[in-house]
Amino acid sequence: MSRFISAALVVLLLAGCNPADRRPGLWLTGEAADVPADWSFTEAEKEIAIQVSTPYLVPHSVTIWCASLDGELYVGARAPETKNWPGWVDDDPNVRLGIAGKVYEVKLEPIDDDAALLARLLPVYVTKYDLPTGPPPADAPRSRYWHVVARS
């Protein structure tokens, strides 16, 4: 039995562990891809994966929603205070995104203080994910958003 567990762990470590739905993973697997000039193709993707660095030196990945606006890509976290990955992005904004079998090395820039951009971006999320329109209820969890940019 211990050989089976050891073999399973080796396979897991060699293959990575992509997240799926609500199940987190480790590092993302897929074909390395250059950061595109236009992210509009992500409109067809309901969920993408994000891999962040952790203080434990083991990568952490989850699935998230994304939206494209004017060819730029944005990602968000609902109720970020209940999740670890947004804080880890604050510590290290260099992340990897898994989209349709490809992996992109990118950087996230917070846009929480850009009211004009958020006013344009939120309706895109509402349309893409068929969310309720109008102001959110007073007790609704807050959300945070980031702009996806190429690493320098």
N, C-alpha and C. Protein backbone atom coordinates (compact mmCIF):
# COMPACT_ATOMS: atom_id res chain seq x y z
N MET A 1 0.82 -1.19 0.00
CA MET A 1 0.00 0.00 0.00
C MET A 1 0.87 1.26 0.00
N SER A 2 1.96 1.25 0.79
CA SER A 2 2.81 2.44 0.85
C SER A 2 3.49 2.69 -0.48
N ARG A 3 3.79 1.62 -1.24
CA ARG A 3 4.37 1.81 -2.59
C ARG A 3 3.36 2.50 -3.50
N PHE A 4 2.11 2.12 -3.39
CA PHE A 4 1.07 2.75 -4.20
C PHE A 4 0.96 4.24 -3.88
N ILE A 5 0.97 4.58 -2.61
CA ILE A 5 0.88 5.98 -2.19
C ILE A 5 2.10 6.75 -2.67
N SER A 6 3.29 6.15 -2.53
CA SER A 6 4.52 6.80 -2.99
C SER A 6 4.47 7.02 -4.49
N ALA A 7 4.04 6.01 -5.24
CA ALA A 7 3.95 6.14 -6.70
C ALA A 7 2.93 7.22 -7.08
N ALA A 8 1.82 7.25 -6.40
CA ALA A 8 0.80 8.27 -6.69
C ALA A 8 1.34 9.67 -6.41
N LEU A 9 2.09 9.84 -5.33
CA LEU A 9 2.68 11.14 -5.02
C LEU A 9 3.70 11.56 -6.07
N VAL A 10 4.50 10.63 -6.55
CA VAL A 10 5.49 10.95 -7.58
C VAL A 10 4.78 11.38 -8.86
N VAL A 11 3.75 10.65 -9.25
CA VAL A 11 2.99 11.03 -10.45
C VAL A 11 2.37 12.41 -10.27
N LEU A 12 1.80 12.67 -9.12
CA LEU A 12 1.20 13.97 -8.84
C LEU A 12 2.24 15.09 -8.94
N LEU A 13 3.41 14.87 -8.34
CA LEU A 13 4.45 15.89 -8.36
C LEU A 13 4.99 16.12 -9.76
N LEU A 14 5.12 15.06 -10.56
CA LEU A 14 5.63 15.21 -11.92
C LEU A 14 4.60 15.84 -12.85
N ALA A 15 3.35 15.54 -12.64
CA ALA A 15 2.31 16.01 -13.55
C ALA A 15 1.73 17.36 -13.15
N GLY A 16 2.00 17.81 -11.94
CA GLY A 16 1.33 19.02 -11.47
C GLY A 16 -0.07 18.65 -11.05
N CYS A 17 -0.83 19.61 -10.72
CA CYS A 17 -2.18 19.33 -10.30
C CYS A 17 -3.02 20.55 -10.62
N ASN A 18 -3.59 20.56 -11.80
CA ASN A 18 -4.42 21.69 -12.21
C ASN A 18 -5.69 21.75 -11.37
N PRO A 19 -6.16 22.95 -11.07
CA PRO A 19 -7.41 23.07 -10.32
C PRO A 19 -8.59 22.71 -11.21
N ALA A 20 -9.70 22.38 -10.60
CA ALA A 20 -10.92 22.10 -11.34
C ALA A 20 -12.11 22.54 -10.48
N ASP A 21 -12.95 23.38 -11.07
CA ASP A 21 -14.10 23.91 -10.35
C ASP A 21 -13.66 24.51 -9.02
N ARG A 22 -14.14 23.94 -7.91
CA ARG A 22 -13.78 24.48 -6.59
C ARG A 22 -12.57 23.78 -5.97
N ARG A 23 -12.01 22.78 -6.64
CA ARG A 23 -10.85 22.06 -6.12
C ARG A 23 -9.58 22.79 -6.50
N PRO A 24 -8.77 23.21 -5.52
CA PRO A 24 -7.51 23.89 -5.85
C PRO A 24 -6.48 22.89 -6.37
N GLY A 25 -5.43 23.44 -6.93
CA GLY A 25 -4.35 22.60 -7.45
C GLY A 25 -3.01 23.17 -7.05
N LEU A 26 -1.97 22.63 -7.67
CA LEU A 26 -0.61 23.09 -7.42
C LEU A 26 -0.17 23.92 -8.63
N TRP A 27 0.87 23.49 -9.33
CA TRP A 27 1.31 24.26 -10.48
C TRP A 27 0.51 23.88 -11.71
N LEU A 28 0.38 24.84 -12.61
CA LEU A 28 -0.39 24.63 -13.83
C LEU A 28 0.44 23.92 -14.87
N THR A 29 -0.21 23.06 -15.61
CA THR A 29 0.44 22.40 -16.73
C THR A 29 -0.21 22.88 -18.01
N GLY A 30 0.54 22.83 -19.07
CA GLY A 30 0.04 23.26 -20.38
C GLY A 30 1.18 23.82 -21.20
N GLU A 31 0.86 24.19 -22.40
CA GLU A 31 1.84 24.74 -23.33
C GLU A 31 2.15 26.18 -22.96
N ALA A 32 3.44 26.51 -22.82
CA ALA A 32 3.85 27.89 -22.54
C ALA A 32 3.49 28.76 -23.74
N ALA A 33 2.93 29.93 -23.46
CA ALA A 33 2.50 30.82 -24.54
C ALA A 33 2.93 32.25 -24.25
N ASP A 34 3.17 32.99 -25.31
CA ASP A 34 3.49 34.41 -25.18
C ASP A 34 2.24 35.18 -24.79
N VAL A 35 2.44 36.28 -24.07
CA VAL A 35 1.31 37.13 -23.69
C VAL A 35 0.76 37.78 -24.96
N PRO A 36 -0.52 37.58 -25.22
CA PRO A 36 -1.10 38.13 -26.46
C PRO A 36 -1.33 39.64 -26.36
N ALA A 37 -1.36 40.28 -27.50
CA ALA A 37 -1.66 41.72 -27.56
C ALA A 37 -3.15 41.95 -27.32
N ASP A 38 -3.97 40.95 -27.61
CA ASP A 38 -5.42 41.07 -27.47
C ASP A 38 -5.95 39.81 -26.77
N TRP A 39 -6.58 40.02 -25.62
CA TRP A 39 -7.11 38.92 -24.82
C TRP A 39 -8.59 38.63 -25.12
N SER A 40 -9.14 39.16 -26.18
CA SER A 40 -10.57 38.98 -26.47
C SER A 40 -10.98 37.51 -26.58
N PHE A 41 -10.04 36.64 -26.94
CA PHE A 41 -10.37 35.22 -27.06
C PHE A 41 -10.84 34.62 -25.74
N THR A 42 -10.55 35.27 -24.62
CA THR A 42 -10.97 34.74 -23.32
C THR A 42 -12.47 34.91 -23.08
N GLU A 43 -13.14 35.65 -23.94
CA GLU A 43 -14.59 35.80 -23.80
C GLU A 43 -15.29 34.46 -23.88
N ALA A 44 -14.67 33.49 -24.56
CA ALA A 44 -15.26 32.16 -24.70
C ALA A 44 -14.98 31.27 -23.49
N GLU A 45 -14.13 31.72 -22.58
CA GLU A 45 -13.74 30.91 -21.42
C GLU A 45 -14.51 31.37 -20.18
N LYS A 46 -15.29 30.48 -19.59
CA LYS A 46 -16.02 30.83 -18.37
C LYS A 46 -15.11 30.84 -17.15
N GLU A 47 -14.18 29.91 -17.10
CA GLU A 47 -13.22 29.87 -16.00
C GLU A 47 -11.82 29.74 -16.56
N ILE A 48 -10.89 30.41 -15.90
CA ILE A 48 -9.48 30.21 -16.20
C ILE A 48 -8.80 29.82 -14.89
N ALA A 49 -7.56 29.42 -14.96
CA ALA A 49 -6.82 29.04 -13.75
C ALA A 49 -5.75 30.08 -13.48
N ILE A 50 -5.50 30.30 -12.20
CA ILE A 50 -4.42 31.19 -11.79
C ILE A 50 -3.54 30.43 -10.81
N GLN A 51 -2.22 30.56 -11.01
CA GLN A 51 -1.24 29.98 -10.10
C GLN A 51 -0.49 31.11 -9.43
N VAL A 52 -0.46 31.08 -8.10
CA VAL A 52 0.22 32.12 -7.33
C VAL A 52 1.32 31.48 -6.49
N SER A 53 2.28 32.31 -6.09
CA SER A 53 3.33 31.86 -5.18
C SER A 53 2.80 31.94 -3.75
N THR A 54 3.22 30.99 -2.94
CA THR A 54 2.78 30.95 -1.54
C THR A 54 3.99 31.10 -0.62
N PRO A 55 3.75 31.40 0.63
CA PRO A 55 4.88 31.45 1.58
C PRO A 55 5.45 30.07 1.88
N TYR A 56 4.79 29.02 1.41
CA TYR A 56 5.22 27.65 1.68
C TYR A 56 6.12 27.09 0.59
N LEU A 57 6.42 27.92 -0.42
CA LEU A 57 7.28 27.54 -1.55
C LEU A 57 6.65 26.47 -2.43
N VAL A 58 5.38 26.20 -2.28
CA VAL A 58 4.64 25.29 -3.14
C VAL A 58 3.57 26.14 -3.83
N PRO A 59 3.52 26.10 -5.16
CA PRO A 59 2.52 26.93 -5.84
C PRO A 59 1.09 26.50 -5.49
N HIS A 60 0.19 27.45 -5.62
CA HIS A 60 -1.23 27.22 -5.35
C HIS A 60 -2.00 27.72 -6.56
N SER A 61 -2.95 26.92 -7.04
CA SER A 61 -3.75 27.35 -8.19
C SER A 61 -5.22 27.11 -7.92
N VAL A 62 -6.03 28.00 -8.47
CA VAL A 62 -7.49 27.92 -8.36
C VAL A 62 -8.10 28.37 -9.69
N THR A 63 -9.37 28.10 -9.85
CA THR A 63 -10.08 28.62 -11.01
C THR A 63 -10.72 29.95 -10.63
N ILE A 64 -10.76 30.87 -11.60
CA ILE A 64 -11.32 32.20 -11.38
C ILE A 64 -12.08 32.63 -12.63
N TRP A 65 -12.85 33.70 -12.46
CA TRP A 65 -13.52 34.33 -13.59
C TRP A 65 -12.63 35.41 -14.17
N CYS A 66 -12.85 35.70 -15.44
CA CYS A 66 -12.09 36.75 -16.10
C CYS A 66 -13.01 37.50 -17.05
N ALA A 67 -12.58 38.69 -17.44
CA ALA A 67 -13.33 39.48 -18.41
C ALA A 67 -12.35 40.24 -19.27
N SER A 68 -12.70 40.37 -20.53
CA SER A 68 -11.90 41.13 -21.48
C SER A 68 -12.62 42.44 -21.78
N LEU A 69 -11.87 43.52 -21.72
CA LEU A 69 -12.42 44.85 -22.01
C LEU A 69 -11.41 45.57 -22.89
N ASP A 70 -11.83 45.95 -24.08
CA ASP A 70 -10.95 46.63 -25.04
C ASP A 70 -9.69 45.82 -25.30
N GLY A 71 -9.81 44.49 -25.32
CA GLY A 71 -8.68 43.62 -25.61
C GLY A 71 -7.77 43.37 -24.42
N GLU A 72 -8.03 44.02 -23.30
CA GLU A 72 -7.25 43.83 -22.08
C GLU A 72 -7.94 42.78 -21.23
N LEU A 73 -7.18 42.07 -20.38
CA LEU A 73 -7.74 41.02 -19.54
C LEU A 73 -7.75 41.47 -18.08
N TYR A 74 -8.84 41.14 -17.41
CA TYR A 74 -9.02 41.46 -15.99
C TYR A 74 -9.49 40.19 -15.27
N VAL A 75 -9.03 40.03 -14.03
CA VAL A 75 -9.47 38.91 -13.21
C VAL A 75 -9.99 39.48 -11.90
N GLY A 76 -10.83 38.71 -11.25
CA GLY A 76 -11.43 39.20 -10.01
C GLY A 76 -11.55 38.11 -8.97
N ALA A 77 -11.74 38.56 -7.73
CA ALA A 77 -11.97 37.66 -6.60
C ALA A 77 -13.15 38.18 -5.81
N ARG A 78 -14.17 37.37 -5.67
CA ARG A 78 -15.31 37.72 -4.83
C ARG A 78 -14.99 37.30 -3.40
N ALA A 79 -15.30 38.15 -2.46
CA ALA A 79 -15.00 37.91 -1.04
C ALA A 79 -13.52 37.56 -0.85
N PRO A 80 -12.62 38.44 -1.30
CA PRO A 80 -11.19 38.12 -1.26
C PRO A 80 -10.64 37.87 0.14
N GLU A 81 -11.29 38.43 1.16
CA GLU A 81 -10.80 38.22 2.52
C GLU A 81 -11.03 36.79 3.00
N THR A 82 -11.83 36.01 2.27
CA THR A 82 -12.08 34.62 2.65
C THR A 82 -11.15 33.65 1.90
N LYS A 83 -10.29 34.18 1.04
CA LYS A 83 -9.39 33.36 0.23
C LYS A 83 -7.95 33.75 0.52
N ASN A 84 -7.04 32.82 0.32
CA ASN A 84 -5.62 33.10 0.51
C ASN A 84 -4.98 33.75 -0.70
N TRP A 85 -5.38 33.34 -1.91
CA TRP A 85 -4.63 33.75 -3.09
C TRP A 85 -4.58 35.26 -3.31
N PRO A 86 -5.62 36.04 -3.03
CA PRO A 86 -5.48 37.49 -3.25
C PRO A 86 -4.38 38.13 -2.39
N GLY A 87 -4.25 37.69 -1.17
CA GLY A 87 -3.17 38.20 -0.32
C GLY A 87 -1.80 37.79 -0.83
N TRP A 88 -1.71 36.58 -1.36
CA TRP A 88 -0.44 36.12 -1.91
C TRP A 88 -0.09 36.92 -3.17
N VAL A 89 -1.11 37.33 -3.93
CA VAL A 89 -0.86 38.19 -5.10
C VAL A 89 -0.36 39.56 -4.64
N ASP A 90 -0.88 40.05 -3.52
CA ASP A 90 -0.37 41.31 -2.97
C ASP A 90 1.12 41.19 -2.66
N ASP A 91 1.54 40.02 -2.18
CA ASP A 91 2.95 39.79 -1.84
C ASP A 91 3.81 39.59 -3.08
N ASP A 92 3.28 38.90 -4.09
CA ASP A 92 4.01 38.64 -5.33
C ASP A 92 3.02 38.65 -6.49
N PRO A 93 2.95 39.75 -7.23
CA PRO A 93 1.97 39.87 -8.30
C PRO A 93 2.29 39.08 -9.56
N ASN A 94 3.45 38.42 -9.62
CA ASN A 94 3.79 37.58 -10.76
C ASN A 94 3.07 36.26 -10.62
N VAL A 95 2.19 35.98 -11.59
CA VAL A 95 1.36 34.78 -11.55
C VAL A 95 1.44 34.07 -12.89
N ARG A 96 0.84 32.90 -12.93
CA ARG A 96 0.68 32.16 -14.18
C ARG A 96 -0.81 31.97 -14.39
N LEU A 97 -1.27 32.16 -15.61
CA LEU A 97 -2.66 31.92 -15.96
C LEU A 97 -2.75 30.73 -16.90
N GLY A 98 -3.68 29.83 -16.62
CA GLY A 98 -3.96 28.71 -17.50
C GLY A 98 -5.25 28.97 -18.24
N ILE A 99 -5.15 29.06 -19.57
CA ILE A 99 -6.33 29.36 -20.38
C ILE A 99 -6.32 28.44 -21.60
N ALA A 100 -7.33 27.60 -21.71
CA ALA A 100 -7.51 26.72 -22.87
C ALA A 100 -6.24 25.93 -23.19
N GLY A 101 -5.62 25.33 -22.16
CA GLY A 101 -4.46 24.48 -22.38
C GLY A 101 -3.14 25.21 -22.52
N LYS A 102 -3.15 26.53 -22.44
CA LYS A 102 -1.92 27.31 -22.53
C LYS A 102 -1.65 28.00 -21.21
N VAL A 103 -0.37 28.24 -20.93
CA VAL A 103 0.03 28.88 -19.68
C VAL A 103 0.77 30.18 -20.00
N TYR A 104 0.30 31.26 -19.37
CA TYR A 104 0.85 32.60 -19.60
C TYR A 104 1.51 33.11 -18.32
N GLU A 105 2.74 33.58 -18.43
CA GLU A 105 3.46 34.19 -17.32
C GLU A 105 3.13 35.69 -17.34
N VAL A 106 2.40 36.17 -16.34
CA VAL A 106 1.91 37.54 -16.34
C VAL A 106 2.07 38.17 -14.96
N LYS A 107 1.68 39.41 -14.88
CA LYS A 107 1.69 40.15 -13.63
C LYS A 107 0.30 40.74 -13.43
N LEU A 108 -0.16 40.80 -12.18
CA LEU A 108 -1.46 41.39 -11.87
C LEU A 108 -1.25 42.75 -11.22
N GLU A 109 -1.99 43.75 -11.72
CA GLU A 109 -1.97 45.09 -11.15
C GLU A 109 -3.35 45.39 -10.60
N PRO A 110 -3.47 45.71 -9.30
CA PRO A 110 -4.79 45.99 -8.73
C PRO A 110 -5.40 47.24 -9.34
N ILE A 111 -6.71 47.20 -9.53
CA ILE A 111 -7.41 48.36 -10.10
C ILE A 111 -8.52 48.85 -9.19
N ASP A 112 -8.47 48.47 -7.92
CA ASP A 112 -9.55 48.80 -6.98
C ASP A 112 -9.76 50.30 -6.82
N ASP A 113 -8.74 51.10 -7.06
CA ASP A 113 -8.86 52.54 -6.88
C ASP A 113 -9.25 53.28 -8.16
N ASP A 114 -9.49 52.55 -9.24
CA ASP A 114 -9.82 53.18 -10.52
C ASP A 114 -11.33 53.06 -10.77
N ALA A 115 -12.09 54.00 -10.20
CA ALA A 115 -13.56 53.94 -10.27
C ALA A 115 -14.07 53.99 -11.71
N ALA A 116 -13.43 54.77 -12.56
CA ALA A 116 -13.88 54.88 -13.95
C ALA A 116 -13.71 53.55 -14.68
N LEU A 117 -12.58 52.90 -14.48
CA LEU A 117 -12.35 51.60 -15.12
C LEU A 117 -13.31 50.56 -14.57
N LEU A 118 -13.49 50.52 -13.26
CA LEU A 118 -14.42 49.56 -12.66
C LEU A 118 -15.85 49.77 -13.18
N ALA A 119 -16.24 51.02 -13.39
CA ALA A 119 -17.58 51.31 -13.91
C ALA A 119 -17.76 50.73 -15.31
N ARG A 120 -16.69 50.66 -16.07
CA ARG A 120 -16.76 50.07 -17.42
C ARG A 120 -16.63 48.55 -17.38
N LEU A 121 -15.84 48.04 -16.41
CA LEU A 121 -15.56 46.61 -16.34
C LEU A 121 -16.71 45.80 -15.75
N LEU A 122 -17.35 46.30 -14.71
CA LEU A 122 -18.38 45.52 -14.02
C LEU A 122 -19.52 45.09 -14.94
N PRO A 123 -20.01 45.94 -15.85
CA PRO A 123 -21.05 45.47 -16.76
C PRO A 123 -20.59 44.32 -17.68
N VAL A 124 -19.30 44.27 -17.97
CA VAL A 124 -18.78 43.17 -18.79
C VAL A 124 -18.90 41.86 -18.01
N TYR A 125 -18.56 41.88 -16.73
CA TYR A 125 -18.73 40.70 -15.87
C TYR A 125 -20.21 40.33 -15.78
N VAL A 126 -21.07 41.31 -15.59
CA VAL A 126 -22.51 41.06 -15.47
C VAL A 126 -23.04 40.35 -16.71
N THR A 127 -22.62 40.82 -17.88
CA THR A 127 -23.08 40.20 -19.13
C THR A 127 -22.48 38.81 -19.31
N LYS A 128 -21.18 38.68 -19.13
CA LYS A 128 -20.51 37.40 -19.38
C LYS A 128 -21.03 36.30 -18.45
N TYR A 129 -21.26 36.62 -17.19
CA TYR A 129 -21.64 35.61 -16.21
C TYR A 129 -23.11 35.66 -15.83
N ASP A 130 -23.90 36.42 -16.58
CA ASP A 130 -25.34 36.51 -16.36
C ASP A 130 -25.65 36.82 -14.89
N LEU A 131 -24.99 37.86 -14.38
CA LEU A 131 -25.17 38.29 -12.99
C LEU A 131 -26.33 39.27 -12.89
N PRO A 132 -26.89 39.45 -11.72
CA PRO A 132 -27.97 40.43 -11.56
C PRO A 132 -27.46 41.85 -11.86
N THR A 133 -28.34 42.63 -12.45
CA THR A 133 -27.99 44.03 -12.73
C THR A 133 -28.43 44.90 -11.56
N GLY A 134 -27.97 46.12 -11.57
CA GLY A 134 -28.32 47.04 -10.50
C GLY A 134 -27.31 46.99 -9.37
N PRO A 135 -27.49 47.86 -8.40
CA PRO A 135 -26.55 47.88 -7.28
C PRO A 135 -26.63 46.59 -6.47
N PRO A 136 -25.49 46.12 -5.97
CA PRO A 136 -25.50 44.89 -5.17
C PRO A 136 -26.18 45.13 -3.83
N PRO A 137 -26.72 44.09 -3.22
CA PRO A 137 -27.31 44.23 -1.88
C PRO A 137 -26.26 44.73 -0.89
N ALA A 138 -26.71 45.40 0.14
CA ALA A 138 -25.80 45.97 1.13
C ALA A 138 -24.93 44.90 1.80
N ASP A 139 -25.45 43.68 1.93
CA ASP A 139 -24.69 42.63 2.59
C ASP A 139 -23.88 41.76 1.63
N ALA A 140 -23.83 42.15 0.35
CA ALA A 140 -23.08 41.37 -0.64
C ALA A 140 -21.58 41.46 -0.36
N PRO A 141 -20.85 40.36 -0.54
CA PRO A 141 -19.41 40.42 -0.32
C PRO A 141 -18.77 41.35 -1.36
N ARG A 142 -17.70 42.00 -0.94
CA ARG A 142 -17.01 42.88 -1.88
C ARG A 142 -16.18 42.04 -2.84
N SER A 143 -15.72 42.66 -3.90
CA SER A 143 -14.87 42.00 -4.87
C SER A 143 -13.63 42.85 -5.11
N ARG A 144 -12.57 42.19 -5.54
CA ARG A 144 -11.35 42.88 -5.95
C ARG A 144 -11.05 42.49 -7.39
N TYR A 145 -10.42 43.41 -8.11
CA TYR A 145 -10.10 43.17 -9.52
C TYR A 145 -8.67 43.56 -9.81
N TRP A 146 -8.09 42.85 -10.79
CA TRP A 146 -6.72 43.12 -11.22
C TRP A 146 -6.67 43.17 -12.74
N HIS A 147 -5.78 44.00 -13.25
CA HIS A 147 -5.48 44.08 -14.67
C HIS A 147 -4.32 43.12 -14.94
N VAL A 148 -4.44 42.30 -15.97
CA VAL A 148 -3.40 41.35 -16.34
C VAL A 148 -2.47 42.05 -17.33
N VAL A 149 -1.19 42.10 -17.00
CA VAL A 149 -0.19 42.74 -17.86
C VAL A 149 0.99 41.81 -18.06
N ALA A 150 1.80 42.09 -19.08
CA ALA A 150 3.00 41.32 -19.32
C ALA A 150 4.00 41.64 -18.22
N ARG A 151 4.80 40.64 -17.86
CA ARG A 151 5.88 40.89 -16.89
C ARG A 151 6.95 41.74 -17.56
N SER A 152 7.57 42.62 -16.78
CA SER A 152 8.63 43.45 -17.38
C SER A 152 9.98 42.81 -17.25
